[in-house]
Amino acid sequence: ENDSINHSWTITFNMNIDEKTVNNSSVYIIDKDNNKLDFIDLKTVNSEGTGSIVLENSGAFEKNKDYWIIIEDTVQSIDGKRLGKGLKAPFRIR
């Protein structure tokens, strides 16, 4: 219904995230052709024992297309613990 197709996501972990390990190589979204989408903001928010990664997009999505959020296992907690494994989560823009 919204033709601008701007979206944002907040991904919350059960640990505070080391902001130095969050970048466009460790957290990103790809399309079906494995092309990375550009973001206007990629940041971490740490509060009350949890860490969140916030991704904000500037209208690069197309309706009825498939995409994947990728979080590489190089993302770490502030005490150096790495993720047990990475994440590749599919979604579709409606």
PDB file of N, CA and C in Angstrom:
ATOM      1  N   GLU A   1       0.804  -1.197   0.000  1.00  0.00           N
ATOM      2  CA  GLU A   1       0.000   0.000   0.000  1.00  0.00           C
ATOM      3  C   GLU A   1       0.845   1.258   0.000  1.00  0.00           C
ATOM      4  N   ASN A   2       2.046   1.159   0.504  1.00  0.00           N
ATOM      5  CA  ASN A   2       2.945   2.313   0.559  1.00  0.00           C
ATOM      6  C   ASN A   2       3.967   2.183  -0.564  1.00  0.00           C
ATOM      7  N   ASP A   3       3.931   3.072  -1.553  1.00  0.00           N
ATOM      8  CA  ASP A   3       4.813   2.957  -2.712  1.00  0.00           C
ATOM      9  C   ASP A   3       6.257   3.327  -2.424  1.00  0.00           C
ATOM     10  N   SER A   4       6.530   4.065  -1.332  1.00  0.00           N
ATOM     11  CA  SER A   4       7.914   4.452  -1.042  1.00  0.00           C
ATOM     12  C   SER A   4       8.734   3.270  -0.540  1.00  0.00           C
ATOM     13  N   ILE A   5       8.101   2.318   0.070  1.00  0.00           N
ATOM     14  CA  ILE A   5       8.704   1.085   0.556  1.00  0.00           C
ATOM     15  C   ILE A   5       9.974   1.346   1.375  1.00  0.00           C
ATOM     16  N   ASN A   6       9.847   2.167   2.387  1.00  0.00           N
ATOM     17  CA  ASN A   6      10.901   2.364   3.381  1.00  0.00           C
ATOM     18  C   ASN A   6      10.587   1.460   4.566  1.00  0.00           C
ATOM     19  N   HIS A   7      11.591   0.774   5.068  1.00  0.00           N
ATOM     20  CA  HIS A   7      11.381  -0.122   6.207  1.00  0.00           C
ATOM     21  C   HIS A   7      12.548  -0.006   7.165  1.00  0.00           C
ATOM     22  N   SER A   8      12.284  -0.379   8.413  1.00  0.00           N
ATOM     23  CA  SER A   8      13.370  -0.493   9.383  1.00  0.00           C
ATOM     24  C   SER A   8      13.124  -1.732  10.234  1.00  0.00           C
ATOM     25  N   TRP A   9      14.201  -2.287  10.731  1.00  0.00           N
ATOM     26  CA  TRP A   9      14.147  -3.473  11.563  1.00  0.00           C
ATOM     27  C   TRP A   9      14.975  -3.244  12.812  1.00  0.00           C
ATOM     28  N   THR A  10      14.534  -3.834  13.909  1.00  0.00           N
ATOM     29  CA  THR A  10      15.331  -3.897  15.121  1.00  0.00           C
ATOM     30  C   THR A  10      15.503  -5.368  15.452  1.00  0.00           C
ATOM     31  N   ILE A  11      16.748  -5.813  15.512  1.00  0.00           N
ATOM     32  CA  ILE A  11      17.066  -7.206  15.819  1.00  0.00           C
ATOM     33  C   ILE A  11      17.678  -7.212  17.210  1.00  0.00           C
ATOM     34  N   THR A  12      17.032  -7.903  18.155  1.00  0.00           N
ATOM     35  CA  THR A  12      17.462  -7.877  19.548  1.00  0.00           C
ATOM     36  C   THR A  12      18.112  -9.201  19.936  1.00  0.00           C
ATOM     37  N   PHE A  13      19.245  -9.102  20.626  1.00  0.00           N
ATOM     38  CA  PHE A  13      20.004 -10.252  21.102  1.00  0.00           C
ATOM     39  C   PHE A  13      19.882 -10.349  22.615  1.00  0.00           C
ATOM     40  N   ASN A  14      20.300 -11.472  23.203  1.00  0.00           N
ATOM     41  CA  ASN A  14      20.278 -11.623  24.651  1.00  0.00           C
ATOM     42  C   ASN A  14      21.610 -11.227  25.275  1.00  0.00           C
ATOM     43  N   MET A  15      22.388 -10.383  24.575  1.00  0.00           N
ATOM     44  CA  MET A  15      23.681  -9.901  25.080  1.00  0.00           C
ATOM     45  C   MET A  15      23.949  -8.533  24.478  1.00  0.00           C
ATOM     46  N   ASN A  16      24.749  -7.738  25.181  1.00  0.00           N
ATOM     47  CA  ASN A  16      25.159  -6.448  24.622  1.00  0.00           C
ATOM     48  C   ASN A  16      26.119  -6.688  23.470  1.00  0.00           C
ATOM     49  N   ILE A  17      25.917  -5.997  22.386  1.00  0.00           N
ATOM     50  CA  ILE A  17      26.685  -6.197  21.159  1.00  0.00           C
ATOM     51  C   ILE A  17      27.857  -5.220  21.110  1.00  0.00           C
ATOM     52  N   ASP A  18      29.027  -5.735  20.707  1.00  0.00           N
ATOM     53  CA  ASP A  18      30.203  -4.892  20.494  1.00  0.00           C
ATOM     54  C   ASP A  18      29.999  -4.141  19.184  1.00  0.00           C
ATOM     55  N   GLU A  19      29.820  -2.827  19.287  1.00  0.00           N
ATOM     56  CA  GLU A  19      29.513  -2.028  18.101  1.00  0.00           C
ATOM     57  C   GLU A  19      30.597  -2.107  17.030  1.00  0.00           C
ATOM     58  N   LYS A  20      31.837  -2.399  17.422  1.00  0.00           N
ATOM     59  CA  LYS A  20      32.923  -2.508  16.433  1.00  0.00           C
ATOM     60  C   LYS A  20      32.731  -3.708  15.517  1.00  0.00           C
ATOM     61  N   THR A  21      31.909  -4.680  15.925  1.00  0.00           N
ATOM     62  CA  THR A  21      31.696  -5.871  15.095  1.00  0.00           C
ATOM     63  C   THR A  21      30.458  -5.767  14.217  1.00  0.00           C
ATOM     64  N   VAL A  22      29.745  -4.642  14.307  1.00  0.00           N
ATOM     65  CA  VAL A  22      28.545  -4.424  13.497  1.00  0.00           C
ATOM     66  C   VAL A  22      28.882  -3.437  12.387  1.00  0.00           C
ATOM     67  N   ASN A  23      28.817  -3.926  11.150  1.00  0.00           N
ATOM     68  CA  ASN A  23      29.100  -3.078   9.990  1.00  0.00           C
ATOM     69  C   ASN A  23      28.377  -3.669   8.778  1.00  0.00           C
ATOM     70  N   ASN A  24      28.563  -3.069   7.632  1.00  0.00           N
ATOM     71  CA  ASN A  24      27.868  -3.533   6.427  1.00  0.00           C
ATOM     72  C   ASN A  24      28.386  -4.869   5.905  1.00  0.00           C
ATOM     73  N   SER A  25      29.460  -5.388   6.504  1.00  0.00           N
ATOM     74  CA  SER A  25      29.944  -6.719   6.128  1.00  0.00           C
ATOM     75  C   SER A  25      29.414  -7.802   7.061  1.00  0.00           C
ATOM     76  N   SER A  26      28.953  -7.409   8.246  1.00  0.00           N
ATOM     77  CA  SER A  26      28.477  -8.404   9.213  1.00  0.00           C
ATOM     78  C   SER A  26      26.959  -8.432   9.359  1.00  0.00           C
ATOM     79  N   VAL A  27      26.279  -7.330   8.991  1.00  0.00           N
ATOM     80  CA  VAL A  27      24.817  -7.264   9.061  1.00  0.00           C
ATOM     81  C   VAL A  27      24.335  -6.552   7.796  1.00  0.00           C
ATOM     82  N   TYR A  28      23.503  -7.248   7.013  1.00  0.00           N
ATOM     83  CA  TYR A  28      23.058  -6.661   5.755  1.00  0.00           C
ATOM     84  C   TYR A  28      21.841  -7.394   5.222  1.00  0.00           C
ATOM     85  N   ILE A  29      21.251  -6.844   4.178  1.00  0.00           N
ATOM     86  CA  ILE A  29      20.113  -7.463   3.492  1.00  0.00           C
ATOM     87  C   ILE A  29      20.496  -7.668   2.039  1.00  0.00           C
ATOM     88  N   ILE A  30      20.137  -8.844   1.505  1.00  0.00           N
ATOM     89  CA  ILE A  30      20.403  -9.148   0.102  1.00  0.00           C
ATOM     90  C   ILE A  30      19.099  -9.439  -0.628  1.00  0.00           C
ATOM     91  N   ASP A  31      19.138  -9.271  -1.957  1.00  0.00           N
ATOM     92  CA  ASP A  31      17.992  -9.641  -2.783  1.00  0.00           C
ATOM     93  C   ASP A  31      18.214 -11.046  -3.345  1.00  0.00           C
ATOM     94  N   LYS A  32      17.315 -11.501  -4.202  1.00  0.00           N
ATOM     95  CA  LYS A  32      17.401 -12.872  -4.720  1.00  0.00           C
ATOM     96  C   LYS A  32      18.647 -13.125  -5.558  1.00  0.00           C
ATOM     97  N   ASP A  33      19.275 -12.052  -6.067  1.00  0.00           N
ATOM     98  CA  ASP A  33      20.499 -12.179  -6.850  1.00  0.00           C
ATOM     99  C   ASP A  33      21.759 -11.982  -6.009  1.00  0.00           C
ATOM    100  N   ASN A  34      21.607 -11.992  -4.669  1.00  0.00           N
ATOM    101  CA  ASN A  34      22.705 -11.798  -3.710  1.00  0.00           C
ATOM    102  C   ASN A  34      23.316 -10.400  -3.756  1.00  0.00           C
ATOM    103  N   ASN A  35      22.567  -9.410  -4.237  1.00  0.00           N
ATOM    104  CA  ASN A  35      23.026  -8.024  -4.207  1.00  0.00           C
ATOM    105  C   ASN A  35      22.684  -7.412  -2.860  1.00  0.00           C
ATOM    106  N   LYS A  36      23.644  -6.731  -2.237  1.00  0.00           N
ATOM    107  CA  LYS A  36      23.393  -6.059  -0.966  1.00  0.00           C
ATOM    108  C   LYS A  36      22.610  -4.783  -1.203  1.00  0.00           C
ATOM    109  N   LEU A  37      21.669  -4.482  -0.305  1.00  0.00           N
ATOM    110  CA  LEU A  37      20.897  -3.244  -0.365  1.00  0.00           C
ATOM    111  C   LEU A  37      21.577  -2.189   0.491  1.00  0.00           C
ATOM    112  N   ASP A  38      21.452  -0.936   0.094  1.00  0.00           N
ATOM    113  CA  ASP A  38      22.045   0.171   0.842  1.00  0.00           C
ATOM    114  C   ASP A  38      21.131   0.591   1.981  1.00  0.00           C
ATOM    115  N   PHE A  39      21.760   0.988   3.090  1.00  0.00           N
ATOM    116  CA  PHE A  39      21.015   1.446   4.259  1.00  0.00           C
ATOM    117  C   PHE A  39      21.437   2.848   4.623  1.00  0.00           C
ATOM    118  N   ILE A  40      20.476   3.628   5.129  1.00  0.00           N
ATOM    119  CA  ILE A  40      20.804   4.958   5.598  1.00  0.00           C
ATOM    120  C   ILE A  40      21.329   4.903   7.026  1.00  0.00           C
ATOM    121  N   ASP A  41      21.081   3.806   7.742  1.00  0.00           N
ATOM    122  CA  ASP A  41      21.567   3.708   9.112  1.00  0.00           C
ATOM    123  C   ASP A  41      21.734   2.250   9.497  1.00  0.00           C
ATOM    124  N   LEU A  42      22.828   1.961  10.133  1.00  0.00           N
ATOM    125  CA  LEU A  42      23.096   0.645  10.703  1.00  0.00           C
ATOM    126  C   LEU A  42      23.785   0.933  12.019  1.00  0.00           C
ATOM    127  N   LYS A  43      23.105   0.655  13.126  1.00  0.00           N
ATOM    128  CA  LYS A  43      23.666   1.006  14.425  1.00  0.00           C
ATOM    129  C   LYS A  43      23.293  -0.043  15.454  1.00  0.00           C
ATOM    130  N   THR A  44      23.991  -0.009  16.567  1.00  0.00           N
ATOM    131  CA  THR A  44      23.641  -0.884  17.676  1.00  0.00           C
ATOM    132  C   THR A  44      23.107  -0.046  18.817  1.00  0.00           C
ATOM    133  N   VAL A  45      22.200  -0.631  19.546  1.00  0.00           N
ATOM    134  CA  VAL A  45      21.613   0.011  20.708  1.00  0.00           C
ATOM    135  C   VAL A  45      21.746  -0.967  21.857  1.00  0.00           C
ATOM    136  N   ASN A  46      22.515  -0.616  22.874  1.00  0.00           N
ATOM    137  CA  ASN A  46      22.712  -1.491  24.022  1.00  0.00           C
ATOM    138  C   ASN A  46      22.016  -0.907  25.238  1.00  0.00           C
ATOM    139  N   SER A  47      21.138  -1.702  25.857  1.00  0.00           N
ATOM    140  CA  SER A  47      20.480  -1.241  27.074  1.00  0.00           C
ATOM    141  C   SER A  47      19.963  -2.429  27.870  1.00  0.00           C
ATOM    142  N   GLU A  48      20.047  -2.325  29.174  1.00  0.00           N
ATOM    143  CA  GLU A  48      19.489  -3.302  30.104  1.00  0.00           C
ATOM    144  C   GLU A  48      19.851  -4.746  29.771  1.00  0.00           C
ATOM    145  N   GLY A  49      21.116  -5.007  29.447  1.00  0.00           N
ATOM    146  CA  GLY A  49      21.563  -6.373  29.241  1.00  0.00           C
ATOM    147  C   GLY A  49      21.255  -6.977  27.896  1.00  0.00           C
ATOM    148  N   THR A  50      20.638  -6.214  27.013  1.00  0.00           N
ATOM    149  CA  THR A  50      20.368  -6.732  25.670  1.00  0.00           C
ATOM    150  C   THR A  50      20.988  -5.805  24.648  1.00  0.00           C
ATOM    151  N   GLY A  51      21.293  -6.335  23.519  1.00  0.00           N
ATOM    152  CA  GLY A  51      21.831  -5.527  22.430  1.00  0.00           C
ATOM    153  C   GLY A  51      20.912  -5.624  21.242  1.00  0.00           C
ATOM    154  N   SER A  52      20.694  -4.517  20.584  1.00  0.00           N
ATOM    155  CA  SER A  52      19.848  -4.493  19.398  1.00  0.00           C
ATOM    156  C   SER A  52      20.613  -3.875  18.244  1.00  0.00           C
ATOM    157  N   ILE A  53      20.391  -4.386  17.060  1.00  0.00           N
ATOM    158  CA  ILE A  53      20.921  -3.812  15.838  1.00  0.00           C
ATOM    159  C   ILE A  53      19.732  -3.213  15.100  1.00  0.00           C
ATOM    160  N   VAL A  54      19.851  -1.954  14.683  1.00  0.00           N
ATOM    161  CA  VAL A  54      18.779  -1.268  13.977  1.00  0.00           C
ATOM    162  C   VAL A  54      19.221  -1.025  12.539  1.00  0.00           C
ATOM    163  N   LEU A  55      18.409  -1.477  11.586  1.00  0.00           N
ATOM    164  CA  LEU A  55      18.666  -1.237  10.170  1.00  0.00           C
ATOM    165  C   LEU A  55      17.543  -0.372   9.636  1.00  0.00           C
ATOM    166  N   GLU A  56      17.891   0.711   8.974  1.00  0.00           N
ATOM    167  CA  GLU A  56      16.889   1.569   8.351  1.00  0.00           C
ATOM    168  C   GLU A  56      17.212   1.690   6.872  1.00  0.00           C
ATOM    169  N   ASN A  57      16.210   1.472   6.046  1.00  0.00           N
ATOM    170  CA  ASN A  57      16.377   1.437   4.600  1.00  0.00           C
ATOM    171  C   ASN A  57      15.768   2.674   3.960  1.00  0.00           C
ATOM    172  N   SER A  58      16.305   3.062   2.816  1.00  0.00           N
ATOM    173  CA  SER A  58      15.837   4.269   2.134  1.00  0.00           C
ATOM    174  C   SER A  58      15.092   3.962   0.835  1.00  0.00           C
ATOM    175  N   GLY A  59      14.177   3.023   0.865  1.00  0.00           N
ATOM    176  CA  GLY A  59      13.312   2.778  -0.279  1.00  0.00           C
ATOM    177  C   GLY A  59      13.879   1.884  -1.356  1.00  0.00           C
ATOM    178  N   ALA A  60      14.799   0.984  -1.032  1.00  0.00           N
ATOM    179  CA  ALA A  60      15.402   0.124  -2.049  1.00  0.00           C
ATOM    180  C   ALA A  60      14.595  -1.146  -2.308  1.00  0.00           C
ATOM    181  N   PHE A  61      13.493  -1.337  -1.601  1.00  0.00           N
ATOM    182  CA  PHE A  61      12.719  -2.559  -1.757  1.00  0.00           C
ATOM    183  C   PHE A  61      11.673  -2.435  -2.852  1.00  0.00           C
ATOM    184  N   GLU A  62      11.322  -3.587  -3.420  1.00  0.00           N
ATOM    185  CA  GLU A  62      10.254  -3.659  -4.416  1.00  0.00           C
ATOM    186  C   GLU A  62       9.172  -4.578  -3.871  1.00  0.00           C
ATOM    187  N   LYS A  63       7.930  -4.215  -4.132  1.00  0.00           N
ATOM    188  CA  LYS A  63       6.814  -5.034  -3.677  1.00  0.00           C
ATOM    189  C   LYS A  63       6.852  -6.408  -4.318  1.00  0.00           C
ATOM    190  N   ASN A  64       6.421  -7.402  -3.532  1.00  0.00           N
ATOM    191  CA  ASN A  64       6.312  -8.799  -3.954  1.00  0.00           C
ATOM    192  C   ASN A  64       7.652  -9.422  -4.343  1.00  0.00           C
ATOM    193  N   LYS A  65       8.743  -8.928  -3.771  1.00  0.00           N
ATOM    194  CA  LYS A  65      10.072  -9.486  -4.006  1.00  0.00           C
ATOM    195  C   LYS A  65      10.588 -10.122  -2.720  1.00  0.00           C
ATOM    196  N   ASP A  66      11.464 -11.112  -2.866  1.00  0.00           N
ATOM    197  CA  ASP A  66      12.052 -11.806  -1.727  1.00  0.00           C
ATOM    198  C   ASP A  66      13.400 -11.206  -1.364  1.00  0.00           C
ATOM    199  N   TYR A  67      13.665 -11.129  -0.046  1.00  0.00           N
ATOM    200  CA  TYR A  67      14.920 -10.598   0.488  1.00  0.00           C
ATOM    201  C   TYR A  67      15.332 -11.454   1.680  1.00  0.00           C
ATOM    202  N   TRP A  68      16.589 -11.286   2.118  1.00  0.00           N
ATOM    203  CA  TRP A  68      17.112 -11.995   3.279  1.00  0.00           C
ATOM    204  C   TRP A  68      17.907 -11.044   4.151  1.00  0.00           C
ATOM    205  N   ILE A  69      17.657 -11.075   5.457  1.00  0.00           N
ATOM    206  CA  ILE A  69      18.515 -10.387   6.425  1.00  0.00           C
ATOM    207  C   ILE A  69      19.624 -11.356   6.783  1.00  0.00           C
ATOM    208  N   ILE A  70      20.867 -10.899   6.677  1.00  0.00           N
ATOM    209  CA  ILE A  70      22.037 -11.721   6.993  1.00  0.00           C
ATOM    210  C   ILE A  70      22.741 -11.125   8.206  1.00  0.00           C
ATOM    211  N   ILE A  71      23.020 -11.961   9.205  1.00  0.00           N
ATOM    212  CA  ILE A  71      23.863 -11.576  10.334  1.00  0.00           C
ATOM    213  C   ILE A  71      24.980 -12.607  10.399  1.00  0.00           C
ATOM    214  N   GLU A  72      26.185 -12.167  10.127  1.00  0.00           N
ATOM    215  CA  GLU A  72      27.339 -13.071  10.116  1.00  0.00           C
ATOM    216  C   GLU A  72      27.749 -13.436  11.546  1.00  0.00           C
ATOM    217  N   ASP A  73      28.408 -14.577  11.693  1.00  0.00           N
ATOM    218  CA  ASP A  73      28.833 -15.011  13.025  1.00  0.00           C
ATOM    219  C   ASP A  73      30.029 -14.220  13.562  1.00  0.00           C
ATOM    220  N   THR A  74      30.445 -13.192  12.844  1.00  0.00           N
ATOM    221  CA  THR A  74      31.514 -12.323  13.326  1.00  0.00           C
ATOM    222  C   THR A  74      31.004 -11.263  14.300  1.00  0.00           C
ATOM    223  N   VAL A  75      29.679 -11.104  14.433  1.00  0.00           N
ATOM    224  CA  VAL A  75      29.109 -10.193  15.424  1.00  0.00           C
ATOM    225  C   VAL A  75      29.401 -10.767  16.805  1.00  0.00           C
ATOM    226  N   GLN A  76      29.902  -9.914  17.712  1.00  0.00           N
ATOM    227  CA  GLN A  76      30.305 -10.370  19.044  1.00  0.00           C
ATOM    228  C   GLN A  76      29.646  -9.559  20.145  1.00  0.00           C
ATOM    229  N   SER A  77      29.628 -10.151  21.336  1.00  0.00           N
ATOM    230  CA  SER A  77      29.191  -9.422  22.520  1.00  0.00           C
ATOM    231  C   SER A  77      30.331  -8.530  22.990  1.00  0.00           C
ATOM    232  N   ILE A  78      30.041  -7.627  23.927  1.00  0.00           N
ATOM    233  CA  ILE A  78      31.089  -6.720  24.415  1.00  0.00           C
ATOM    234  C   ILE A  78      32.169  -7.471  25.190  1.00  0.00           C
ATOM    235  N   ASP A  79      31.877  -8.701  25.656  1.00  0.00           N
ATOM    236  CA  ASP A  79      32.917  -9.475  26.334  1.00  0.00           C
ATOM    237  C   ASP A  79      33.592 -10.497  25.411  1.00  0.00           C
ATOM    238  N   GLY A  80      33.410 -10.337  24.087  1.00  0.00           N
ATOM    239  CA  GLY A  80      34.147 -11.133  23.109  1.00  0.00           C
ATOM    240  C   GLY A  80      33.502 -12.426  22.668  1.00  0.00           C
ATOM    241  N   LYS A  81      32.309 -12.753  23.153  1.00  0.00           N
ATOM    242  CA  LYS A  81      31.639 -13.986  22.714  1.00  0.00           C
ATOM    243  C   LYS A  81      31.039 -13.777  21.333  1.00  0.00           C
ATOM    244  N   ARG A  82      31.334 -14.710  20.427  1.00  0.00           N
ATOM    245  CA  ARG A  82      30.771 -14.657  19.076  1.00  0.00           C
ATOM    246  C   ARG A  82      29.425 -15.356  19.048  1.00  0.00           C
ATOM    247  N   LEU A  83      28.629 -15.033  18.044  1.00  0.00           N
ATOM    248  CA  LEU A  83      27.375 -15.751  17.850  1.00  0.00           C
ATOM    249  C   LEU A  83      27.671 -17.220  17.623  1.00  0.00           C
ATOM    250  N   GLY A  84      26.781 -18.086  18.077  1.00  0.00           N
ATOM    251  CA  GLY A  84      26.964 -19.517  17.866  1.00  0.00           C
ATOM    252  C   GLY A  84      26.993 -19.867  16.386  1.00  0.00           C
ATOM    253  N   LYS A  85      26.150 -19.203  15.616  1.00  0.00           N
ATOM    254  CA  LYS A  85      26.148 -19.330  14.164  1.00  0.00           C
ATOM    255  C   LYS A  85      25.454 -18.108  13.597  1.00  0.00           C
ATOM    256  N   GLY A  86      25.672 -17.866  12.325  1.00  0.00           N
ATOM    257  CA  GLY A  86      25.066 -16.718  11.670  1.00  0.00           C
ATOM    258  C   GLY A  86      23.582 -16.936  11.427  1.00  0.00           C
ATOM    259  N   LEU A  87      22.947 -15.937  10.850  1.00  0.00           N
ATOM    260  CA  LEU A  87      21.520 -15.985  10.580  1.00  0.00           C
ATOM    261  C   LEU A  87      21.271 -15.553   9.144  1.00  0.00           C
ATOM    262  N   LYS A  88      20.390 -16.279   8.461  1.00  0.00           N
ATOM    263  CA  LYS A  88      19.900 -15.878   7.147  1.00  0.00           C
ATOM    264  C   LYS A  88      18.389 -16.045   7.191  1.00  0.00           C
ATOM    265  N   ALA A  89      17.671 -14.915   7.356  1.00  0.00           N
ATOM    266  CA  ALA A  89      16.226 -14.954   7.539  1.00  0.00           C
ATOM    267  C   ALA A  89      15.514 -14.361   6.327  1.00  0.00           C
ATOM    268  N   PRO A  90      14.666 -15.146   5.664  1.00  0.00           N
ATOM    269  CA  PRO A  90      13.967 -14.645   4.476  1.00  0.00           C
ATOM    270  C   PRO A  90      12.751 -13.803   4.849  1.00  0.00           C
ATOM    271  N   PHE A  91      12.394 -12.868   3.969  1.00  0.00           N
ATOM    272  CA  PHE A  91      11.158 -12.110   4.103  1.00  0.00           C
ATOM    273  C   PHE A  91      10.730 -11.605   2.730  1.00  0.00           C
ATOM    274  N   ARG A  92       9.475 -11.206   2.619  1.00  0.00           N
ATOM    275  CA  ARG A  92       8.910 -10.693   1.369  1.00  0.00           C
ATOM    276  C   ARG A  92       8.219  -9.377   1.652  1.00  0.00           C
ATOM    277  N   ILE A  93       8.426  -8.394   0.778  1.00  0.00           N
ATOM    278  CA  ILE A  93       7.763  -7.112   0.881  1.00  0.00           C
ATOM    279  C   ILE A  93       6.395  -7.234   0.211  1.00  0.00           C
ATOM    280  N   ARG A  94       5.357  -6.890   0.925  1.00  0.00           N
ATOM    281  CA  ARG A  94       3.980  -6.978   0.380  1.00  0.00           C
ATOM    282  C   ARG A  94       3.427  -5.610   0.123  1.00  0.00           C
TER     283      ARG A  94
END
